[in-house]
C-alpha cells in the first residue's frame, strides 16, 4: 500500500468512518473530504433530505455573537460535549432569520421578505432541507390577529415525527402543532387551545408535547393523514405554580420532563398582578418519562448539566468546561430586554439581559443571577455558564417575538420586552 492512504480497502475505510462518526459528525465529514475513493465507500451525510439521525450535529450550538465586519456571515459553533469550537461561514443568514429551536443541531431558518418559508441548515455539510411556509398555517377567516399573522406561527420546538418520516413543529404563541415532509407545499396542523401546551420535544423519530395534565405524542401517518395528539403519560401535579419543559436525552434515549416549581419566601406576598415567574425563586424537578403512562422522578442527570430556555435546550459535559459547569445541575435562562416603541417599529434599547436560575439536583442548592449578554469575540468573557445561558435565553434581537407581540407588551416610549 505504501504511503498512498487513498488505496485503503473499502472495508477499512468503512470501519474507520464508523468510528469517526461515533466520535463526532465533523470528523466523519473531514474524513470523506480527503479523497474520492473514501467518499465512494462511505455514505453521503446529506441522504434522506439531510435528516438521517446519525449525521445530525447534535452537540453543536451556534454562539450568540456579532461576526467581525470583514466576515459578516462567519459564526462560531461550540460543541457542548467536548468544548471544541469551529468557525463556519453561513451566507444563508443574509436573507434568513435564525429561529430558536434546532432539529438535532440543524439551524432552523426563516426566509425574510414575507415568504416565511422554513429551511433546516446543516452547518457543516451546508445542506438545506426545504419545508413549507408558515403562511400555510394561518386561520384565513379568524378575527384573532394572531391567527392571521405568520410571525406568530414561528416554531418554539421542531423535531422528527412519525418514525423519522416527517418534520413537526410546535408554535407556542398560537398553541398549534404542525407536521410536513421535506418538499411539501403546506403544513398540516392541529389547533388545540383547550390543551394549553407548554413545550414540545422530539426523540427517536417521535414528536411529543406537554400540557399541565398529559404528555402527548403526535400521530399523522407520516404527514399523510390529519395530525392528532394522543395522550401517552400523566404529568405529576403537586405544586400550585410551575413551568414544564420537555427535553430529549438522545444520549440515553429517553424523554425527560423538567418542572420549575415557583415559590415565595416566608412572609412575602404575591403581587396583586400575579407572580413574576421571570424572577421569582424556584426549584427544578427532573422526571424520566415512561411510556407506560407514568413519569419517574430523578435525583441526577447522569453527571451532565442541562441548559434550557423558552425554545432551546442544551446538554453539556461538565468535564469539558471544568470548573465552570456543575454536574447534575439545571440552568434555566430566560430573556429580559427593554424595547422602545417607534411609529416605524420596535428597537431594542440595550444588550440582552439574561435571568438565570441554577438548581443542583443532588445538593439542592439554587442560584439566581441577572447579567447582560456579551456578544463579543471572546468565547466566554463572562464564563461558560453565561455563554451557554445566553444561547438558550436568546431573543435574537427581538426577532424571537413578533412585532405586534412586543408592541402589546411595551408602553409607548419605553417598555419591557417579555
Protein backbone atom coordinates (compact mmCIF):
# COMPACT_ATOMS: atom_id res chain seq x y z
CA UNK A 1 0.00 0.00 0.00
CA UNK A 2 2.97 2.32 0.65
CA UNK A 3 2.08 5.83 1.77
CA UNK A 4 -0.92 6.19 -0.52
CA UNK A 5 -3.75 6.16 2.01
CA UNK A 6 -6.32 6.55 -0.76
CA UNK A 7 -5.76 2.88 -1.62
CA UNK A 8 -7.18 1.63 1.67
CA UNK A 9 -9.63 -1.20 1.10
CA UNK A 10 -13.34 -0.45 1.23
CA UNK A 11 -13.83 -2.42 4.45
CA UNK A 12 -11.09 -0.49 6.25
CA UNK A 13 -12.45 2.83 5.03
CA UNK A 14 -15.92 1.99 6.28
CA UNK A 15 -14.58 0.80 9.65
CA UNK A 16 -12.57 3.99 10.17
CA UNK A 17 -15.52 6.13 9.08
CA UNK A 18 -17.87 4.40 11.54
CA UNK A 19 -15.50 5.02 14.43
CA UNK A 20 -15.04 8.66 13.48
CA UNK A 21 -18.80 9.11 13.20
CA UNK A 22 -19.24 7.63 16.68
CA UNK A 23 -16.97 10.41 17.95
CA UNK A 24 -18.47 13.35 16.05
CA UNK A 25 -20.04 14.01 12.67
CA UNK A 26 -17.43 16.68 11.88
CA UNK A 27 -14.67 14.01 11.99
CA UNK A 28 -16.69 11.91 9.56
CA UNK A 29 -17.16 14.86 7.18
CA UNK A 30 -13.43 15.68 7.25
CA UNK A 31 -12.58 12.03 6.55
CA UNK A 32 -14.83 11.91 3.47
CA UNK A 33 -13.29 15.16 2.18
CA UNK A 34 -9.80 13.63 1.91
CA UNK A 35 -10.25 11.87 -1.43
CA UNK A 36 -12.77 10.48 -3.88
CA UNK A 37 -12.19 6.76 -3.06
CA UNK A 38 -13.02 7.39 0.60
CA UNK A 39 -16.22 9.18 -0.38
CA UNK A 40 -17.18 6.29 -2.66
CA UNK A 41 -17.01 3.80 0.24
CA UNK A 42 -18.94 5.94 2.75
CA UNK A 43 -22.49 7.27 2.84
CA UNK A 44 -23.18 10.90 1.98
CA UNK A 45 -24.46 12.58 5.21
CA UNK A 46 -26.97 14.52 3.11
CA UNK A 47 -29.11 11.43 2.43
CA UNK A 48 -32.75 11.33 3.49
CA UNK A 49 -33.11 15.09 2.93
CA UNK A 50 -30.27 15.65 5.39
CA UNK A 51 -32.35 14.27 8.25
CA UNK A 52 -30.77 10.88 8.96
CA UNK A 53 -30.28 11.00 12.76
CA UNK A 54 -26.72 9.66 12.89
CA UNK A 55 -25.48 12.57 10.73
CA UNK A 56 -27.07 15.37 12.78
CA UNK A 57 -24.68 17.73 14.62
CA UNK A 58 -26.41 17.17 17.96
CA UNK A 59 -23.83 18.62 20.34
CA UNK A 60 -23.14 21.80 18.37
CA UNK A 61 -24.66 25.23 19.03
CA UNK A 62 -24.10 28.49 17.13
CA UNK A 63 -22.91 31.09 19.62
CA UNK A 64 -24.82 34.34 20.06
CA UNK A 65 -22.08 36.62 18.71
CA UNK A 66 -21.80 39.53 16.30
CA UNK A 67 -19.44 38.41 13.48
CA UNK A 68 -16.50 40.66 12.54
CA UNK A 69 -17.27 43.25 9.84
CA UNK A 70 -14.76 41.64 7.47
CA UNK A 71 -16.58 38.26 7.66
CA UNK A 72 -20.22 39.17 8.36
CA UNK A 73 -21.55 35.61 7.94
CA UNK A 74 -18.83 33.77 9.83
CA UNK A 75 -20.19 32.26 13.02
CA UNK A 76 -18.58 30.16 15.70
CA UNK A 77 -20.06 26.90 16.85
CA UNK A 78 -19.40 25.30 20.23
CA UNK A 79 -19.53 21.59 20.98
CA UNK A 80 -21.08 21.35 24.44
CA UNK A 81 -19.84 17.80 24.84
CA UNK A 82 -16.16 18.38 24.12
CA UNK A 83 -15.62 22.15 24.31
CA UNK A 84 -14.39 22.28 20.69
CA UNK A 85 -15.02 25.48 18.71
CA UNK A 86 -15.28 25.77 14.92
CA UNK A 87 -15.78 28.83 12.71
CA UNK A 88 -18.28 28.31 9.87
CA UNK A 89 -19.50 30.64 7.13
CA UNK A 90 -23.30 30.79 6.95
CA UNK A 91 -24.10 33.06 3.95
CA UNK A 92 -27.76 31.98 4.19
CA UNK A 93 -28.08 34.48 7.07
CA UNK A 94 -28.04 37.30 4.51
CA UNK A 95 -31.71 36.66 3.72
CA UNK A 96 -32.82 34.38 6.57
CA UNK A 97 -33.50 34.78 10.28
CA UNK A 98 -32.37 32.10 12.73
CA UNK A 99 -35.24 30.67 14.73
CA UNK A 100 -34.80 29.48 18.30
CA UNK A 101 -35.19 25.70 18.18
CA UNK A 102 -32.86 23.36 16.33
CA UNK A 103 -33.50 19.88 14.95
CA UNK A 104 -30.65 17.79 16.25
CA UNK A 105 -28.30 20.74 15.78
CA UNK A 106 -29.67 21.76 12.36
CA UNK A 107 -30.28 25.52 12.23
CA UNK A 108 -33.92 26.47 11.71
CA UNK A 109 -34.05 29.36 9.23
CA UNK A 110 -36.98 31.54 8.18
CA UNK A 111 -36.78 33.33 4.85
CA UNK A 112 -37.21 37.09 5.04
CA UNK A 113 -39.30 39.17 2.68
CA UNK A 114 -42.78 37.94 3.54
CA UNK A 115 -42.47 34.37 2.27
CA UNK A 116 -41.89 32.92 5.76
CA UNK A 117 -40.53 29.68 4.28
CA UNK A 118 -38.76 27.44 6.78
CA UNK A 119 -35.49 25.69 5.99
CA UNK A 120 -33.17 23.47 8.01
CA UNK A 121 -29.46 24.05 7.50
CA UNK A 122 -26.72 21.60 8.40
CA UNK A 123 -23.89 23.98 9.36
CA UNK A 124 -21.14 21.55 8.31
CA UNK A 125 -22.48 20.00 5.09
CA UNK A 126 -24.38 23.20 4.09
CA UNK A 127 -27.34 21.03 3.07
CA UNK A 128 -30.70 22.84 3.11
CA UNK A 129 -33.89 20.92 3.86
CA UNK A 130 -36.92 22.67 2.37
CA UNK A 131 -40.08 22.96 4.49
CA UNK A 132 -43.39 24.74 3.81
CA UNK A 133 -44.10 28.39 4.52
CA UNK A 134 -45.56 29.40 7.88
CA UNK A 135 -48.28 31.18 5.88
CA UNK A 136 -49.92 27.79 5.25
CA UNK A 137 -50.69 27.55 8.99
CA UNK A 138 -52.76 30.70 9.39
CA UNK A 139 -56.52 30.85 10.05
CA UNK A 140 -57.61 32.77 6.97
CA UNK A 141 -61.03 33.74 8.39
CA UNK A 142 -60.08 34.26 12.04
CA UNK A 143 -60.82 37.52 13.85
CA UNK A 144 -57.86 36.93 16.18
CA UNK A 145 -54.92 38.93 14.76
CA UNK A 146 -52.50 36.26 16.00
CA UNK A 147 -54.11 33.58 13.84
CA UNK A 148 -53.68 35.54 10.59
CA UNK A 149 -50.13 36.72 11.31
CA UNK A 150 -47.36 34.34 10.12
CA UNK A 151 -44.87 35.78 12.62
CA UNK A 152 -46.98 34.39 15.46
CA UNK A 153 -46.54 30.93 13.97
CA UNK A 154 -42.78 30.80 14.34
CA UNK A 155 -41.76 27.47 15.90
CA UNK A 156 -40.79 27.17 19.54
CA UNK A 157 -39.90 23.49 19.04
CA UNK A 158 -39.04 21.40 15.99
CA UNK A 159 -38.20 17.73 15.53
CA UNK A 160 -38.75 14.50 13.64
CA UNK A 161 -42.10 12.73 13.81
CA UNK A 162 -43.84 9.55 12.66
CA UNK A 163 -40.78 7.29 12.83
CA UNK A 164 -38.49 9.87 11.18
CA UNK A 165 -40.84 10.23 8.18
CA UNK A 166 -41.85 13.86 8.78
CA UNK A 167 -40.87 17.10 10.49
CA UNK A 168 -43.11 18.52 13.22
CA UNK A 169 -43.21 21.97 14.80
CA UNK A 170 -44.85 23.40 17.91
CA UNK A 171 -45.89 27.05 17.65
CA UNK A 172 -46.23 28.11 21.27
CA UNK A 173 -47.65 31.60 20.70
CA UNK A 174 -50.72 30.17 18.94
CA UNK A 175 -50.83 26.71 20.56
CA UNK A 176 -50.54 24.78 17.29
CA UNK A 177 -48.72 21.59 16.33
CA UNK A 178 -48.00 21.05 12.64
CA UNK A 179 -46.34 18.39 10.50
CA UNK A 180 -44.96 18.15 6.95
CA UNK A 181 -42.48 16.21 4.87
CA UNK A 182 -39.48 17.94 3.28
CA UNK A 183 -40.61 19.40 -0.03
CA UNK A 184 -44.32 19.58 0.92
CA UNK A 185 -46.19 22.72 -0.12
CA UNK A 186 -48.11 23.20 3.14
CA UNK A 187 -48.22 22.23 6.80
CA UNK A 188 -50.92 20.01 8.24
CA UNK A 189 -51.74 21.38 11.66
CA UNK A 190 -53.89 20.81 14.70
CA UNK A 191 -55.06 23.75 16.83
CA UNK A 192 -55.53 22.77 20.46
CA UNK A 193 -56.41 25.85 22.56
CA UNK A 194 -58.07 23.75 25.27
CA UNK A 195 -54.87 21.79 25.97
CA UNK A 196 -52.66 24.81 26.80
CA UNK A 197 -49.49 23.12 25.61
CA UNK A 198 -46.30 24.38 27.24
CA UNK A 199 -43.45 22.83 25.27
CA UNK A 200 -42.51 20.03 22.89
CA UNK A 201 -39.55 17.81 22.00
CA UNK A 202 -38.60 15.01 19.61
CA UNK A 203 -37.00 11.68 20.50
CA UNK A 204 -36.41 8.54 18.45
CA UNK A 205 -38.40 9.84 15.49
CA UNK A 206 -41.45 10.72 17.61
CA UNK A 207 -42.72 14.20 18.49
CA UNK A 208 -44.15 14.94 21.93
CA UNK A 209 -45.91 17.90 23.57
CA UNK A 210 -46.85 18.55 27.19
CA UNK A 211 -49.73 20.28 28.96
CA UNK A 212 -50.35 20.52 32.71
CA UNK A 213 -52.24 17.21 32.55
CA UNK A 214 -50.73 14.94 29.88
CA UNK A 215 -47.74 14.30 27.69
CA UNK A 216 -48.97 13.75 24.12
CA UNK A 217 -47.48 12.04 21.09
CA UNK A 218 -48.14 13.39 17.60
CA UNK A 219 -49.53 10.94 15.07
CA UNK A 220 -50.06 11.84 11.40
CA UNK A 221 -49.14 8.76 9.33
CA UNK A 222 -46.02 10.45 8.04
CA UNK A 223 -47.85 13.74 7.31
CA UNK A 224 -50.27 11.90 5.01
CA UNK A 225 -53.17 11.94 7.46
CA UNK A 226 -54.62 14.63 9.69
CA UNK A 227 -52.40 15.16 12.74
CA UNK A 228 -53.68 14.27 16.19
CA UNK A 229 -52.25 14.35 19.71
CA UNK A 230 -52.55 11.11 21.66
CA UNK A 231 -52.01 11.09 25.48
CA UNK A 232 -49.15 8.77 26.48
CA UNK A 233 -48.29 9.76 30.07
CA UNK A 234 -49.63 11.72 33.02
CA UNK A 235 -47.97 14.88 34.33
CA UNK A 236 -47.35 14.93 38.10
CA UNK A 237 -49.24 17.89 39.58
CA UNK A 238 -48.07 18.66 43.11
CA UNK A 239 -47.48 22.43 43.12
CA UNK A 240 -49.74 25.45 42.53
CA UNK A 241 -47.32 27.30 40.25
CA UNK A 242 -44.87 25.66 37.88
CA UNK A 243 -43.50 25.61 34.34
CA UNK A 244 -42.96 22.47 32.28
CA UNK A 245 -40.28 21.81 29.66
CA UNK A 246 -39.92 18.63 27.62
CA UNK A 247 -36.32 17.71 26.82
CA UNK A 248 -34.94 14.89 24.66
CA UNK A 249 -31.99 13.00 26.14
CA UNK A 250 -30.62 11.45 22.94
CA UNK A 251 -27.54 10.03 24.64
CA UNK A 252 -29.65 7.88 26.98
CA UNK A 253 -32.57 7.61 24.56
CA UNK A 254 -35.15 8.89 26.99
CA UNK A 255 -37.67 11.70 27.12
CA UNK A 256 -37.38 13.97 30.14
CA UNK A 257 -39.77 16.39 31.78
CA UNK A 258 -38.29 19.31 33.67
CA UNK A 259 -40.54 21.11 36.15
CA UNK A 260 -39.66 24.53 37.54
CA UNK A 261 -41.64 24.96 40.78
CA UNK A 262 -42.02 28.61 41.78
CA UNK A 263 -42.33 29.72 45.41
CA UNK A 264 -42.30 32.80 47.61
CA UNK A 265 -40.22 33.19 50.75
CA UNK A 266 -41.94 33.08 54.12
CA UNK A 267 -43.60 36.38 54.92
CA UNK A 268 -43.67 37.56 51.30
CA UNK A 269 -46.91 38.22 49.46
CA UNK A 270 -47.71 37.61 45.81
CA UNK A 271 -48.27 40.95 43.99
CA UNK A 272 -51.90 41.76 43.04
CA UNK A 273 -51.00 41.45 39.34
CA UNK A 274 -49.78 37.89 39.95
CA UNK A 275 -46.39 36.26 40.41
CA UNK A 276 -43.42 37.32 38.30
CA UNK A 277 -42.22 33.92 37.10
CA UNK A 278 -39.26 35.53 35.34
CA UNK A 279 -37.51 36.50 38.56
CA UNK A 280 -39.18 34.61 41.43
CA UNK A 281 -37.22 31.78 43.11
CA UNK A 282 -37.74 28.19 42.06
CA UNK A 283 -36.54 24.63 42.40
CA UNK A 284 -36.23 22.20 39.49
CA UNK A 285 -37.53 18.65 39.47
CA UNK A 286 -36.45 16.18 36.77
CA UNK A 287 -38.53 13.25 35.52
CA UNK A 288 -37.87 10.46 33.07
CA UNK A 289 -40.98 9.76 31.01
CA UNK A 290 -42.05 6.12 30.99
CA UNK A 291 -44.42 5.48 28.11
CA UNK A 292 -46.33 3.13 30.41
CA UNK A 293 -48.30 6.28 31.29
CA UNK A 294 -46.12 7.48 34.14
CA UNK A 295 -43.19 9.74 34.99
CA UNK A 296 -40.29 8.78 37.26
CA UNK A 297 -38.57 11.38 39.43
CA UNK A 298 -34.78 11.57 39.02
CA UNK A 299 -32.17 12.77 41.51
CA UNK A 300 -29.37 13.09 38.95
CA UNK A 301 -28.77 13.92 35.30
CA UNK A 302 -26.11 11.26 34.76
CA UNK A 303 -23.35 13.70 35.70
CA UNK A 304 -24.27 16.16 32.94
CA UNK A 305 -25.76 19.65 33.04
CA UNK A 306 -28.88 20.88 31.27
CA UNK A 307 -29.31 24.43 29.96
CA UNK A 308 -32.87 25.31 28.95
CA UNK A 309 -34.78 28.37 27.82
CA UNK A 310 -38.11 29.14 26.15
CA UNK A 311 -37.27 27.37 22.89
CA UNK A 312 -33.78 25.88 23.29
CA UNK A 313 -32.37 23.09 25.45
CA UNK A 314 -28.71 22.01 25.53
CA UNK A 315 -26.92 19.18 27.33
CA UNK A 316 -23.36 19.98 28.43
CA UNK A 317 -20.50 17.88 29.76
CA UNK A 318 -19.03 19.41 32.94
CA UNK A 319 -15.74 17.62 32.23
CA UNK A 320 -15.30 19.76 29.10
CA UNK A 321 -15.86 23.02 30.98
CA UNK A 322 -14.47 22.33 34.45
CA UNK A 323 -14.80 24.02 36.85
CA UNK A 324 -17.42 26.33 35.35
CA UNK A 325 -20.30 23.93 34.66
CA UNK A 326 -21.62 21.88 37.59
CA UNK A 327 -22.74 18.27 37.20
CA UNK A 328 -26.40 17.28 37.71
CA UNK A 329 -27.46 20.92 37.54
CA UNK A 330 -30.28 22.60 35.65
CA UNK A 331 -29.57 26.10 34.30
CA UNK A 332 -32.81 27.86 33.33
CA UNK A 333 -32.19 31.05 31.35
CA UNK A 334 -34.87 33.50 30.17
CA UNK A 335 -34.56 36.78 28.23
CA UNK A 336 -35.41 40.20 29.62
CA UNK A 337 -34.81 43.19 27.35
CA UNK A 338 -36.05 46.75 27.15
CA UNK A 339 -37.54 48.00 23.88
CA UNK A 340 -38.51 51.41 22.57
CA UNK A 341 -41.69 51.58 20.51
CA UNK A 342 -41.47 53.87 17.48
CA UNK A 343 -44.02 54.66 14.80
CA UNK A 344 -41.99 52.56 12.38
CA UNK A 345 -41.42 49.62 14.69
CA UNK A 346 -39.66 48.48 17.83
CA UNK A 347 -35.98 48.84 18.69
CA UNK A 348 -34.00 47.09 21.41
CA UNK A 349 -32.65 49.62 23.90
CA UNK A 350 -29.65 47.66 25.14
CA UNK A 351 -27.94 44.26 25.06
CA UNK A 352 -29.92 41.21 26.10
CA UNK A 353 -30.35 40.77 29.84
CA UNK A 354 -30.46 37.12 30.90
CA UNK A 355 -32.22 35.98 34.06
CA UNK A 356 -30.52 32.76 35.10
CA UNK A 357 -31.71 30.27 37.72
CA UNK A 358 -29.42 27.34 38.56
CA UNK A 359 -30.53 24.37 40.65
CA UNK A 360 -28.36 21.43 41.71
CA UNK A 361 -30.46 18.27 41.83
CA UNK A 362 -28.10 16.50 44.22
CA UNK A 363 -27.11 19.37 46.50
CA UNK A 364 -30.44 21.20 46.36
CA UNK A 365 -28.53 24.49 46.09
CA UNK A 366 -30.06 27.24 43.97
CA UNK A 367 -28.52 30.35 42.43
CA UNK A 368 -30.18 33.40 40.85
CA UNK A 369 -28.11 35.66 38.57
CA UNK A 370 -29.01 38.52 36.23
CA UNK A 371 -26.41 39.58 33.65
CA UNK A 372 -26.09 41.35 30.32
CA UNK A 373 -25.19 39.07 27.43
CA UNK A 374 -21.84 39.87 25.81
CA UNK A 375 -21.71 39.16 22.06
CA UNK A 376 -18.00 39.95 21.74
CA UNK A 377 -15.41 37.79 20.05
CA UNK A 378 -14.06 36.07 23.17
CA UNK A 379 -15.67 32.67 23.74
CA UNK A 380 -16.59 33.20 27.37
CA UNK A 381 -15.72 36.68 28.66
CA UNK A 382 -18.43 36.16 31.30
CA UNK A 383 -17.84 32.45 31.84
CA UNK A 384 -19.02 29.37 30.01
CA UNK A 385 -22.22 29.15 32.08
CA UNK A 386 -23.22 32.64 30.99
CA UNK A 387 -22.20 31.94 27.39
CA UNK A 388 -24.43 28.87 27.04
CA UNK A 389 -27.19 30.51 29.10
CA UNK A 390 -27.14 33.44 26.66
CA UNK A 391 -27.67 30.94 23.85
CA UNK A 392 -30.73 29.24 25.38
CA UNK A 393 -32.17 32.58 26.57
CA UNK A 394 -31.57 34.49 23.34
CA UNK A 395 -34.43 36.57 21.95
CA UNK A 396 -32.36 37.04 18.76
CA UNK A 397 -32.52 40.83 18.86
CA UNK A 398 -36.26 40.77 19.47
CA UNK A 399 -36.88 38.54 16.45
CA UNK A 400 -37.96 35.75 18.77
CA UNK A 401 -41.20 37.65 19.38
CA UNK A 402 -43.47 39.14 16.69
CA UNK A 403 -43.58 42.91 16.39
CA UNK A 404 -47.24 43.03 17.42
CA UNK A 405 -46.42 40.92 20.48
CA UNK A 406 -43.67 43.28 21.59
CA UNK A 407 -45.87 46.31 20.95
CA UNK A 408 -48.63 44.86 23.13
CA UNK A 409 -46.12 44.22 25.95
CA UNK A 410 -44.41 47.61 25.86
CA UNK A 411 -45.55 51.09 26.74
CA UNK A 412 -45.22 53.88 24.20
CA UNK A 413 -41.72 55.28 24.64
CA UNK A 414 -40.03 52.69 26.84
CA UNK A 415 -41.36 49.28 27.65
CA UNK A 416 -40.19 45.90 28.76
CA UNK A 417 -39.96 43.01 26.32
CA UNK A 418 -41.15 39.69 27.63
